[in-house]
């Protein structure tokens, strides 16, 4: 028996009506009877199409402000009846139920309402009930019924119908997409309600997303991967436009996100900022009087590691900055915008990827961080913690100077985005040495100092760049040795969370070395 099923009747009920009139017109040309609801039915009728209102099937008018219109046996019986089941066919005949062979539904714009800042009542009213119910019914009965939840599939249905009907493989694929869509929709609703009700860790968590891009592979060629956009309204890599360059890889996306999140710590109203990232860790971060100066200052920190890196800017990309960036091999540039001169310069490097985001990610916005573990997920609030000078406590005899304080605050913003254990040397609003991801904080301090010496040699400086710098540690110093190593490298002031049982010993060592030290009371572990 053939698995191809003809379509004689379609029920169409869409919130997003883009392309629906043309699609319905082509269905009608294929002798498909059109049934529809509310505004969709009116739109099709206005276009001159013969369309039956769903109320003619159910015998009930649309009621309760549209909340009740398709929740009826005449609709769900038509979707769920197994066509070759004699008992089902008898029930249809007894109750006058007609089969519905194609369901076309997209859901109320709940996610868009949340993203637009809708109030609680508006968000609740945009929770679709009848749509998901019909979608799930049609998807369950995919042996007989095709379900469309995405306009991208209109042509696939039309092509199939032109050949006589939908085959089983197409109906299965559409059913899988339908269940994924309702799952993502319910995930968005449940997570919004958790936020609205201030339930930090609800008993159940659901996560959903829409495929932005199928990737060639994941971190390694033997791993499959895809890039999905979630329902969070924050700007970032998932919302950015790729202007040019090769397709982004899994690692490109991961590193670009790290770079853009870091540079967003420096708002668009602040001085120009640049972050250069390699393997999710910064190899240089700096401010400058111009974007080009910010890039040059960031590059000076570790020009060797910057090769093949990701560059993020907090200001629109201009021609001088684009010229400087194209002098080195770079994988991706991401910025809020780029002027035409900069785009022309970047265009000469056809493989260089340029992403424009129309803004910066909100660094202090709430959100979730999710990580897989064997058999489950680790979920936490994203690290949106931040401090100001007023939050700091100076615990040493010597107070930081104004310049040291500015550099300490800069270093602390960077520390939040460096893998633990993290040590960051900063001088004149630019990193001059970064030690990341070591098992020992002392080793991180030593690596950062060595990076500082290497950078000095690369730029012809007479002394390591860390001389006269400040240092940030993402967590407390468990012993004084890490602090003393920073002092030996040339640091004059330190910012760290505090909280060690040996804080007194560390403070005493700082006093003896003539250092200024401030405590944040907040740590920034990043694993």
Protein backbone atom coordinates (compact mmCIF):
# COMPACT_ATOMS: atom_id res chain seq x y z
CA UNK A 1 0.00 0.00 0.00
CA UNK A 2 1.34 3.45 -0.91
CA UNK A 3 2.21 5.78 1.96
CA UNK A 4 1.27 8.82 -0.15
CA UNK A 5 -1.78 10.58 1.26
CA UNK A 6 -3.84 13.06 -0.76
CA UNK A 7 -5.00 16.31 0.79
CA UNK A 8 -8.63 17.21 0.25
CA UNK A 9 -9.15 19.58 3.18
CA UNK A 10 -6.80 22.00 4.98
CA UNK A 11 -7.39 23.90 8.20
CA UNK A 12 -5.43 27.16 8.26
CA UNK A 13 -5.09 29.29 11.41
CA UNK A 14 -2.02 31.50 11.54
CA UNK A 15 -0.87 34.41 13.62
CA UNK A 16 2.01 35.30 11.29
CA UNK A 17 0.24 35.69 7.96
CA UNK A 18 3.31 36.27 5.77
CA UNK A 19 2.86 34.33 2.54
CA UNK A 20 -0.36 32.65 3.64
CA UNK A 21 -2.62 34.11 0.93
CA UNK A 22 -0.33 32.92 -1.86
CA UNK A 23 0.00 29.50 -0.22
CA UNK A 24 -3.76 29.16 0.23
CA UNK A 25 -4.38 30.23 -3.36
CA UNK A 26 -2.07 27.46 -4.59
CA UNK A 27 -3.82 24.94 -2.34
CA UNK A 28 -7.16 25.97 -3.79
CA UNK A 29 -5.78 25.54 -7.31
CA UNK A 30 -4.98 21.95 -6.31
CA UNK A 31 -8.65 21.44 -5.32
CA UNK A 32 -7.99 21.57 -1.58
CA UNK A 33 -10.96 22.78 0.48
CA UNK A 34 -9.97 25.63 2.79
CA UNK A 35 -11.19 25.88 6.38
CA UNK A 36 -9.99 28.73 8.56
CA UNK A 37 -10.50 30.80 11.69
CA UNK A 38 -11.01 34.43 12.65
CA UNK A 39 -8.62 36.89 11.08
CA UNK A 40 -7.08 34.27 8.81
CA UNK A 41 -10.48 33.39 7.35
CA UNK A 42 -11.26 37.07 6.78
CA UNK A 43 -7.93 37.64 5.04
CA UNK A 44 -8.43 34.67 2.71
CA UNK A 45 -12.00 35.72 1.92
CA UNK A 46 -10.86 39.26 1.16
CA UNK A 47 -8.36 37.76 -1.28
CA UNK A 48 -11.27 36.18 -3.15
CA UNK A 49 -10.74 32.63 -1.95
CA UNK A 50 -13.56 30.27 -1.08
CA UNK A 51 -13.04 29.55 2.61
CA UNK A 52 -15.24 27.86 5.21
CA UNK A 53 -15.15 29.30 8.72
CA UNK A 54 -14.34 26.73 11.37
CA UNK A 55 -17.60 27.59 13.11
CA UNK A 56 -19.40 25.93 10.19
CA UNK A 57 -17.66 22.69 11.15
CA UNK A 58 -18.18 22.91 14.88
CA UNK A 59 -21.65 24.46 14.96
CA UNK A 60 -20.36 26.88 17.58
CA UNK A 61 -19.30 30.50 17.10
CA UNK A 62 -15.89 31.74 18.11
CA UNK A 63 -16.26 32.91 21.70
CA UNK A 64 -14.53 34.31 24.78
CA UNK A 65 -12.44 36.80 22.79
CA UNK A 66 -11.17 34.03 20.55
CA UNK A 67 -10.01 31.78 23.38
CA UNK A 68 -12.43 29.09 22.25
CA UNK A 69 -12.82 28.33 18.57
CA UNK A 70 -11.03 25.09 17.60
CA UNK A 71 -11.25 23.13 20.87
CA UNK A 72 -14.01 20.89 19.56
CA UNK A 73 -14.48 17.22 18.53
CA UNK A 74 -15.33 18.29 14.98
CA UNK A 75 -11.84 19.71 14.67
CA UNK A 76 -9.85 17.23 16.73
CA UNK A 77 -11.82 14.27 15.40
CA UNK A 78 -10.98 15.37 11.87
CA UNK A 79 -7.30 15.57 12.80
CA UNK A 80 -6.98 12.46 14.98
CA UNK A 81 -9.14 9.90 13.12
CA UNK A 82 -7.10 7.01 11.75
CA UNK A 83 -8.25 6.74 8.17
CA UNK A 84 -8.03 2.96 7.81
CA UNK A 85 -9.53 2.22 11.25
CA UNK A 86 -13.12 1.04 10.78
CA UNK A 87 -14.22 2.13 14.26
CA UNK A 88 -12.80 5.61 13.72
CA UNK A 89 -14.52 5.86 10.36
CA UNK A 90 -17.82 4.77 11.90
CA UNK A 91 -17.50 7.43 14.62
CA UNK A 92 -16.85 10.08 11.97
CA UNK A 93 -19.93 9.06 10.02
CA UNK A 94 -22.11 8.91 13.15
CA UNK A 95 -21.11 12.38 14.30
CA UNK A 96 -20.69 14.08 10.94
CA UNK A 97 -16.94 14.62 11.35
CA UNK A 98 -15.02 15.34 8.15
CA UNK A 99 -11.30 14.54 7.80
CA UNK A 100 -8.71 17.30 7.93
CA UNK A 101 -5.64 16.20 5.95
CA UNK A 102 -3.44 19.28 6.35
CA UNK A 103 -3.10 21.59 9.35
CA UNK A 104 -1.37 24.94 8.92
CA UNK A 105 -0.82 26.73 12.24
CA UNK A 106 1.70 29.13 13.66
CA UNK A 107 1.28 30.24 17.21
CA UNK A 108 0.35 33.46 18.99
CA UNK A 109 3.45 35.68 19.23
CA UNK A 110 4.21 34.96 22.87
CA UNK A 111 8.00 35.21 22.52
CA UNK A 112 7.72 38.48 20.60
CA UNK A 113 5.38 39.91 23.25
CA UNK A 114 7.91 39.13 25.98
CA UNK A 115 10.80 40.53 23.93
CA UNK A 116 8.82 43.75 23.36
CA UNK A 117 8.40 44.20 27.12
CA UNK A 118 4.72 43.24 27.33
CA UNK A 119 3.19 43.33 30.79
CA UNK A 120 2.01 40.21 32.59
CA UNK A 121 -1.55 40.38 31.26
CA UNK A 122 -0.42 40.92 27.66
CA UNK A 123 1.96 37.98 27.87
CA UNK A 124 -0.72 35.69 29.29
CA UNK A 125 -3.18 36.69 26.57
CA UNK A 126 -0.59 35.73 23.95
CA UNK A 127 -0.32 32.17 25.25
CA UNK A 128 -1.84 30.05 22.50
CA UNK A 129 -4.06 27.14 23.57
CA UNK A 130 -5.98 25.92 20.52
CA UNK A 131 -2.93 26.12 18.25
CA UNK A 132 -0.66 23.78 20.26
CA UNK A 133 -3.59 21.41 20.86
CA UNK A 134 -4.26 21.10 17.12
CA UNK A 135 -0.57 20.85 16.27
CA UNK A 136 -0.05 18.00 18.72
CA UNK A 137 -3.15 16.20 17.45
CA UNK A 138 -2.10 16.46 13.80
CA UNK A 139 1.48 15.50 14.61
CA UNK A 140 0.35 12.43 16.53
CA UNK A 141 -1.69 11.33 13.53
CA UNK A 142 1.11 11.95 11.04
CA UNK A 143 0.41 8.62 9.36
CA UNK A 144 -2.57 10.38 7.79
CA UNK A 145 -2.19 14.13 8.43
CA UNK A 146 0.49 16.66 7.48
CA UNK A 147 1.14 19.54 9.88
CA UNK A 148 2.83 22.82 8.99
CA UNK A 149 4.16 25.15 11.69
CA UNK A 150 6.76 26.98 9.59
CA UNK A 151 6.29 28.95 6.38
CA UNK A 152 9.63 27.61 5.18
CA UNK A 153 7.81 24.32 4.50
CA UNK A 154 5.03 25.72 2.31
CA UNK A 155 6.86 24.86 -0.91
CA UNK A 156 7.61 21.30 0.23
CA UNK A 157 3.89 20.67 0.74
CA UNK A 158 2.95 22.24 -2.60
CA UNK A 159 5.56 20.18 -4.43
CA UNK A 160 4.25 17.02 -2.78
CA UNK A 161 0.62 17.80 -3.57
CA UNK A 162 1.49 18.50 -7.19
CA UNK A 163 2.70 14.88 -7.34
CA UNK A 164 -0.43 13.47 -5.73
CA UNK A 165 0.04 13.84 -1.97
CA UNK A 166 2.39 13.83 1.01
CA UNK A 167 4.59 10.81 1.66
CA UNK A 168 5.27 9.32 5.08
CA UNK A 169 8.83 10.65 5.31
CA UNK A 170 7.66 14.24 4.77
CA UNK A 171 4.84 13.89 7.28
CA UNK A 172 7.23 12.43 9.87
CA UNK A 173 9.70 15.28 9.38
CA UNK A 174 6.95 17.87 9.70
CA UNK A 175 5.56 16.15 12.83
CA UNK A 176 8.99 16.21 14.49
CA UNK A 177 9.31 19.92 13.76
CA UNK A 178 5.79 20.48 15.09
CA UNK A 179 6.52 18.83 18.43
CA UNK A 180 9.83 20.72 18.70
CA UNK A 181 7.99 23.99 18.06
CA UNK A 182 5.38 23.41 20.76
CA UNK A 183 8.10 22.26 23.15
CA UNK A 184 10.12 25.43 22.55
CA UNK A 185 6.94 27.50 22.89
CA UNK A 186 6.06 25.91 26.23
CA UNK A 187 9.67 26.30 27.37
CA UNK A 188 9.50 30.03 26.67
CA UNK A 189 6.24 30.32 28.60
CA UNK A 190 7.40 28.32 31.62
CA UNK A 191 10.70 30.19 31.87
CA UNK A 192 8.96 33.55 31.54
CA UNK A 193 6.55 32.60 34.33
CA UNK A 194 9.45 31.47 36.54
CA UNK A 195 11.05 34.89 36.06
CA UNK A 196 7.79 36.78 36.54
CA UNK A 197 7.06 34.87 39.76
CA UNK A 198 10.69 35.11 40.89
CA UNK A 199 11.08 31.33 41.10
CA UNK A 200 14.83 30.92 40.76
CA UNK A 201 14.98 27.15 40.43
CA UNK A 202 11.58 25.69 39.47
CA UNK A 203 10.98 21.94 39.89
CA UNK A 204 11.10 21.45 36.11
CA UNK A 205 13.13 23.37 33.52
CA UNK A 206 12.65 23.33 29.77
CA UNK A 207 14.91 24.88 27.15
CA UNK A 208 14.05 25.51 23.53
CA UNK A 209 15.55 27.16 20.48
CA UNK A 210 15.28 27.55 16.73
CA UNK A 211 18.04 26.43 14.42
CA UNK A 212 19.96 29.46 13.24
CA UNK A 213 22.59 27.54 11.36
CA UNK A 214 23.59 23.94 10.73
CA UNK A 215 27.34 23.75 11.36
CA UNK A 216 29.86 21.62 9.48
CA UNK A 217 30.94 20.05 12.77
CA UNK A 218 31.41 20.84 16.45
CA UNK A 219 34.59 21.42 18.41
CA UNK A 220 36.12 18.56 16.42
CA UNK A 221 35.31 17.13 12.98
CA UNK A 222 33.77 13.93 14.38
CA UNK A 223 31.13 15.93 16.34
CA UNK A 224 27.88 17.12 14.74
CA UNK A 225 26.67 20.57 15.74
CA UNK A 226 24.04 23.24 15.18
CA UNK A 227 23.58 26.84 16.32
CA UNK A 228 20.20 27.48 17.92
CA UNK A 229 18.71 30.83 18.90
CA UNK A 230 16.88 30.93 22.21
CA UNK A 231 14.01 33.13 23.32
CA UNK A 232 16.10 35.59 25.38
CA UNK A 233 15.88 39.12 23.93
CA UNK A 234 19.57 40.03 24.56
CA UNK A 235 21.58 41.18 21.57
CA UNK A 236 24.62 39.10 20.74
CA UNK A 237 26.05 36.53 18.38
CA UNK A 238 22.68 34.83 17.87
CA UNK A 239 21.06 38.09 16.72
CA UNK A 240 24.00 39.52 14.77
CA UNK A 241 24.04 39.82 10.97
CA UNK A 242 26.94 38.21 9.16
CA UNK A 243 27.99 40.73 6.53
CA UNK A 244 30.68 38.66 4.85
CA UNK A 245 33.14 35.82 5.22
CA UNK A 246 33.08 32.04 5.51
CA UNK A 247 30.35 30.27 7.46
CA UNK A 248 30.90 30.43 11.20
CA UNK A 249 32.18 27.30 12.91
CA UNK A 250 31.19 26.00 16.34
CA UNK A 251 34.45 27.32 17.81
CA UNK A 252 34.05 30.67 16.02
CA UNK A 253 30.62 31.16 17.57
CA UNK A 254 31.77 30.15 21.04
CA UNK A 255 34.77 32.47 20.95
CA UNK A 256 32.86 35.34 19.36
CA UNK A 257 30.28 35.14 22.12
CA UNK A 258 33.06 35.27 24.73
CA UNK A 259 34.63 38.30 23.04
CA UNK A 260 31.37 40.21 22.67
CA UNK A 261 30.24 39.50 26.22
CA UNK A 262 33.55 40.84 27.51
CA UNK A 263 33.61 44.01 25.42
CA UNK A 264 30.00 44.73 26.41
CA UNK A 265 31.29 45.41 29.94
CA UNK A 266 32.33 48.74 28.41
CA UNK A 267 29.15 50.42 27.23
CA UNK A 268 28.70 52.13 23.90
CA UNK A 269 28.83 55.44 25.80
CA UNK A 270 32.23 54.59 27.33
CA UNK A 271 35.61 55.01 25.67
CA UNK A 272 36.30 52.77 22.67
CA UNK A 273 37.09 49.24 23.83
CA UNK A 274 38.53 46.19 22.14
CA UNK A 275 38.73 42.55 23.24
CA UNK A 276 40.78 39.92 21.43
CA UNK A 277 39.82 36.33 22.26
CA UNK A 278 41.47 32.99 21.60
CA UNK A 279 39.92 29.71 22.77
CA UNK A 280 37.34 31.58 24.88
CA UNK A 281 40.01 33.48 26.86
CA UNK A 282 41.10 37.06 26.25
CA UNK A 283 44.64 37.61 25.05
CA UNK A 284 44.20 41.38 25.13
CA UNK A 285 41.62 43.92 26.30
CA UNK A 286 42.01 47.67 26.23
CA UNK A 287 40.43 51.09 26.02
CA UNK A 288 41.70 53.83 23.75
CA UNK A 289 40.97 57.35 22.58
CA UNK A 290 39.85 55.84 19.26
CA UNK A 291 38.78 52.33 18.25
CA UNK A 292 42.08 51.91 16.41
CA UNK A 293 44.02 52.85 19.55
CA UNK A 294 41.93 50.44 21.62
CA UNK A 295 42.79 47.65 19.18
CA UNK A 296 46.49 48.52 19.19
CA UNK A 297 46.57 48.58 22.99
CA UNK A 298 44.78 45.23 23.21
CA UNK A 299 47.05 43.65 20.60
CA UNK A 300 50.18 44.73 22.46
CA UNK A 301 49.30 42.48 25.40
CA UNK A 302 49.83 39.22 23.50
CA UNK A 303 50.34 39.63 19.74
CA UNK A 304 51.40 36.00 19.32
CA UNK A 305 48.17 34.56 20.77
CA UNK A 306 46.08 37.09 18.85
CA UNK A 307 46.97 35.31 15.59
CA UNK A 308 43.77 33.69 14.33
CA UNK A 309 41.73 35.26 17.11
CA UNK A 310 38.33 36.92 17.46
CA UNK A 311 38.08 40.70 17.77
CA UNK A 312 35.15 42.47 19.42
CA UNK A 313 34.58 46.22 19.53
CA UNK A 314 32.12 48.25 21.59
CA UNK A 315 31.97 51.01 18.97
CA UNK A 316 31.19 50.95 15.25
CA UNK A 317 34.11 49.72 13.17
CA UNK A 318 35.83 52.49 11.23
CA UNK A 319 38.39 52.46 8.44
CA UNK A 320 41.57 53.00 10.53
CA UNK A 321 40.59 50.14 12.84
CA UNK A 322 39.69 47.89 9.92
CA UNK A 323 43.06 48.63 8.29
CA UNK A 324 44.91 47.72 11.48
CA UNK A 325 42.93 44.53 12.06
CA UNK A 326 43.49 43.25 8.51
CA UNK A 327 47.23 43.46 9.05
CA UNK A 328 46.99 40.30 11.17
CA UNK A 329 45.20 37.00 10.55
CA UNK A 330 41.80 37.24 12.23
CA UNK A 331 38.91 34.79 12.14
CA UNK A 332 35.97 37.03 13.15
CA UNK A 333 35.24 40.69 13.86
CA UNK A 334 32.07 41.59 15.76
CA UNK A 335 30.93 45.16 16.38
CA UNK A 336 27.67 47.07 16.78
CA UNK A 337 28.06 48.53 13.29
CA UNK A 338 30.66 49.29 10.58
CA UNK A 339 30.89 52.25 8.23
CA UNK A 340 31.11 51.78 4.47
CA UNK A 341 34.85 52.46 4.33
CA UNK A 342 35.50 49.78 6.95
CA UNK A 343 33.27 47.30 5.11
CA UNK A 344 35.20 47.87 1.89
CA UNK A 345 38.51 47.24 3.66
CA UNK A 346 37.22 44.05 5.28
CA UNK A 347 35.76 42.90 1.95
CA UNK A 348 39.30 42.55 0.58
CA UNK A 349 39.72 39.65 3.02
CA UNK A 350 36.98 37.41 1.63
CA UNK A 351 37.28 34.74 4.33
CA UNK A 352 37.24 37.20 7.25
CA UNK A 353 33.87 37.05 8.96
CA UNK A 354 32.26 40.37 9.89
CA UNK A 355 29.29 40.34 12.28
CA UNK A 356 27.22 43.41 13.10
CA UNK A 357 24.85 43.32 16.06
CA UNK A 358 23.10 46.74 16.12
CA UNK A 359 24.01 47.05 19.80
CA UNK A 360 25.77 45.38 22.71
CA UNK A 361 24.63 42.56 24.97
CA UNK A 362 23.27 44.00 28.23
CA UNK A 363 26.04 42.95 30.66
CA UNK A 364 23.89 43.17 33.79
CA UNK A 365 20.73 41.60 32.37
CA UNK A 366 19.33 38.50 34.01
CA UNK A 367 19.53 35.17 32.24
CA UNK A 368 20.42 31.51 32.61
CA UNK A 369 23.61 29.59 32.03
CA UNK A 370 23.16 25.92 31.15
CA UNK A 371 25.73 23.13 30.95
CA UNK A 372 25.38 19.43 30.25
CA UNK A 373 26.59 16.87 32.74
CA UNK A 374 26.15 13.11 32.52
CA UNK A 375 22.45 12.46 32.99
CA UNK A 376 21.35 16.05 33.45
CA UNK A 377 22.01 19.77 33.36
CA UNK A 378 23.67 22.32 35.58
CA UNK A 379 21.64 25.53 35.55
CA UNK A 380 22.55 28.83 37.16
CA UNK A 381 21.80 32.50 36.81
CA UNK A 382 24.30 34.05 34.41
CA UNK A 383 27.09 35.98 36.09
CA UNK A 384 25.74 39.52 35.78
CA UNK A 385 27.43 40.69 38.97
CA UNK A 386 29.26 44.01 38.90
CA UNK A 387 30.84 46.38 41.36
CA UNK A 388 31.63 50.07 41.58
CA UNK A 389 34.29 51.90 43.53
CA UNK A 390 31.81 52.37 46.36
CA UNK A 391 31.61 48.59 46.77
CA UNK A 392 35.34 48.20 47.41
CA UNK A 393 37.04 47.89 50.79
CA UNK A 394 40.66 48.89 51.09
CA UNK A 395 42.36 46.57 53.60
CA UNK A 396 45.97 47.78 53.34
CA UNK A 397 47.79 50.71 54.87
CA UNK A 398 48.29 52.26 51.45
CA UNK A 399 45.24 53.45 49.51
CA UNK A 400 45.19 53.04 45.70
CA UNK A 401 45.89 56.17 43.70
CA UNK A 402 43.21 57.46 41.34
CA UNK A 403 44.99 55.88 38.36
CA UNK A 404 45.42 52.59 40.19
CA UNK A 405 41.76 52.60 41.15
CA UNK A 406 40.66 53.12 37.54
CA UNK A 407 42.91 50.27 36.43
CA UNK A 408 41.72 48.02 39.25
CA UNK A 409 38.10 48.43 38.20
CA UNK A 410 39.07 47.77 34.58
CA UNK A 411 41.01 44.65 35.59
CA UNK A 412 38.05 43.36 37.59
CA UNK A 413 35.73 43.65 34.59
CA UNK A 414 38.17 41.61 32.54
CA UNK A 415 38.68 39.00 35.31
CA UNK A 416 34.99 38.11 35.09
CA UNK A 417 35.59 36.77 31.57
CA UNK A 418 38.85 34.87 32.09
CA UNK A 419 38.80 31.14 32.87
CA UNK A 420 39.74 30.31 36.46
CA UNK A 421 42.20 30.49 37.98
CA UNK A 422 42.57 34.00 36.53
CA UNK A 423 45.24 36.64 37.09
CA UNK A 424 45.12 39.85 35.05
CA UNK A 425 47.71 42.63 34.96
CA UNK A 426 46.45 46.02 33.78
CA UNK A 427 48.19 49.32 33.16
CA UNK A 428 46.64 52.48 31.70
CA UNK A 429 43.30 50.77 30.96
CA UNK A 430 44.87 47.93 29.01
CA UNK A 431 45.76 44.36 29.90
CA UNK A 432 49.52 43.79 29.97
CA UNK A 433 49.53 40.15 31.11
CA UNK A 434 46.85 37.46 31.44
CA UNK A 435 47.15 34.10 33.19
CA UNK A 436 44.11 31.87 32.63
CA UNK A 437 42.77 28.46 33.42
CA UNK A 438 45.56 27.11 35.61
CA UNK A 439 45.11 24.63 38.43
CA UNK A 440 47.16 26.90 40.71
CA UNK A 441 46.64 30.63 41.18
CA UNK A 442 50.40 30.95 41.60
CA UNK A 443 50.93 29.40 38.17
CA UNK A 444 48.42 31.83 36.67
CA UNK A 445 50.35 34.73 38.22
CA UNK A 446 53.63 33.40 36.83
CA UNK A 447 52.18 32.87 33.36
CA UNK A 448 50.70 36.38 33.33
CA UNK A 449 54.08 37.81 34.33
CA UNK A 450 55.82 35.82 31.60
CA UNK A 451 53.27 37.03 29.04
CA UNK A 452 54.05 40.58 30.17
CA UNK A 453 57.77 40.04 29.61
CA UNK A 454 57.15 38.45 26.20
CA UNK A 455 54.96 41.38 25.15
CA UNK A 456 57.62 43.85 26.23
CA UNK A 457 60.19 42.04 24.12
CA UNK A 458 57.82 42.01 21.13
CA UNK A 459 57.25 45.77 21.27
CA UNK A 460 60.82 46.69 22.21
CA UNK A 461 60.04 47.92 25.73
CA UNK A 462 62.91 48.17 28.22
CA UNK A 463 61.01 46.37 31.02
CA UNK A 464 58.09 43.94 31.34
CA UNK A 465 54.80 45.66 30.68
CA UNK A 466 53.56 44.62 34.14
CA UNK A 467 55.98 47.03 35.82
CA UNK A 468 53.81 49.63 37.55
CA UNK A 469 50.61 47.71 36.79
CA UNK A 470 47.71 46.59 38.97
CA UNK A 471 46.55 42.99 39.24
CA UNK A 472 43.15 41.34 39.55
CA UNK A 473 42.48 37.85 40.87
CA UNK A 474 39.06 36.33 40.15
CA UNK A 475 39.01 34.61 43.57
CA UNK A 476 40.86 35.05 46.85
CA UNK A 477 44.55 34.31 47.27
CA UNK A 478 44.67 31.14 49.40
CA UNK A 479 48.29 31.92 50.27
CA UNK A 480 50.49 34.98 50.08
CA UNK A 481 52.72 33.40 47.40
CA UNK A 482 50.45 34.39 44.50
CA UNK A 483 50.30 37.97 45.71
CA UNK A 484 54.07 38.12 46.18
CA UNK A 485 54.57 36.75 42.69
CA UNK A 486 52.43 39.61 41.37
CA UNK A 487 54.51 42.09 43.34
CA UNK A 488 57.70 40.62 41.91
CA UNK A 489 56.24 41.09 38.42
CA UNK A 490 55.83 44.81 39.14
CA UNK A 491 52.24 45.15 40.35
CA UNK A 492 51.59 48.00 42.79
CA UNK A 493 47.91 47.40 43.63
CA UNK A 494 45.61 44.40 43.83
CA UNK A 495 41.90 43.73 43.56
CA UNK A 496 40.49 40.42 44.76
CA UNK A 497 37.34 39.11 46.47
CA UNK A 498 38.84 38.27 49.88
CA UNK A 499 37.33 35.62 52.09
CA UNK A 500 40.30 33.31 52.62
CA UNK A 501 41.04 31.97 56.09
CA UNK A 502 44.50 33.44 55.47
CA UNK A 503 43.30 36.93 54.53
CA UNK A 504 45.24 38.41 57.46
CA UNK A 505 48.44 36.77 56.22
CA UNK A 506 47.83 38.00 52.66
CA UNK A 507 47.05 41.54 53.85
CA UNK A 508 50.20 41.58 55.97
CA UNK A 509 52.27 40.47 52.97
CA UNK A 510 50.71 43.25 50.88
CA UNK A 511 51.54 45.84 53.54
CA UNK A 512 55.10 44.60 53.83
CA UNK A 513 55.51 44.87 50.05
CA UNK A 514 53.99 48.38 50.00
CA UNK A 515 51.02 47.32 47.92
CA UNK A 516 47.53 48.73 47.95
CA UNK A 517 44.80 46.10 48.05
CA UNK A 518 41.03 46.33 47.76
CA UNK A 519 38.45 43.60 48.30
CA UNK A 520 35.28 43.21 46.24
CA UNK A 521 33.38 40.68 48.35
CA UNK A 522 32.38 39.06 45.04
CA UNK A 523 34.22 36.41 43.07
CA UNK A 524 34.03 35.58 39.37
CA UNK A 525 34.88 31.91 38.90
CA UNK A 526 34.50 30.91 35.25
CA UNK A 527 34.88 27.25 34.36
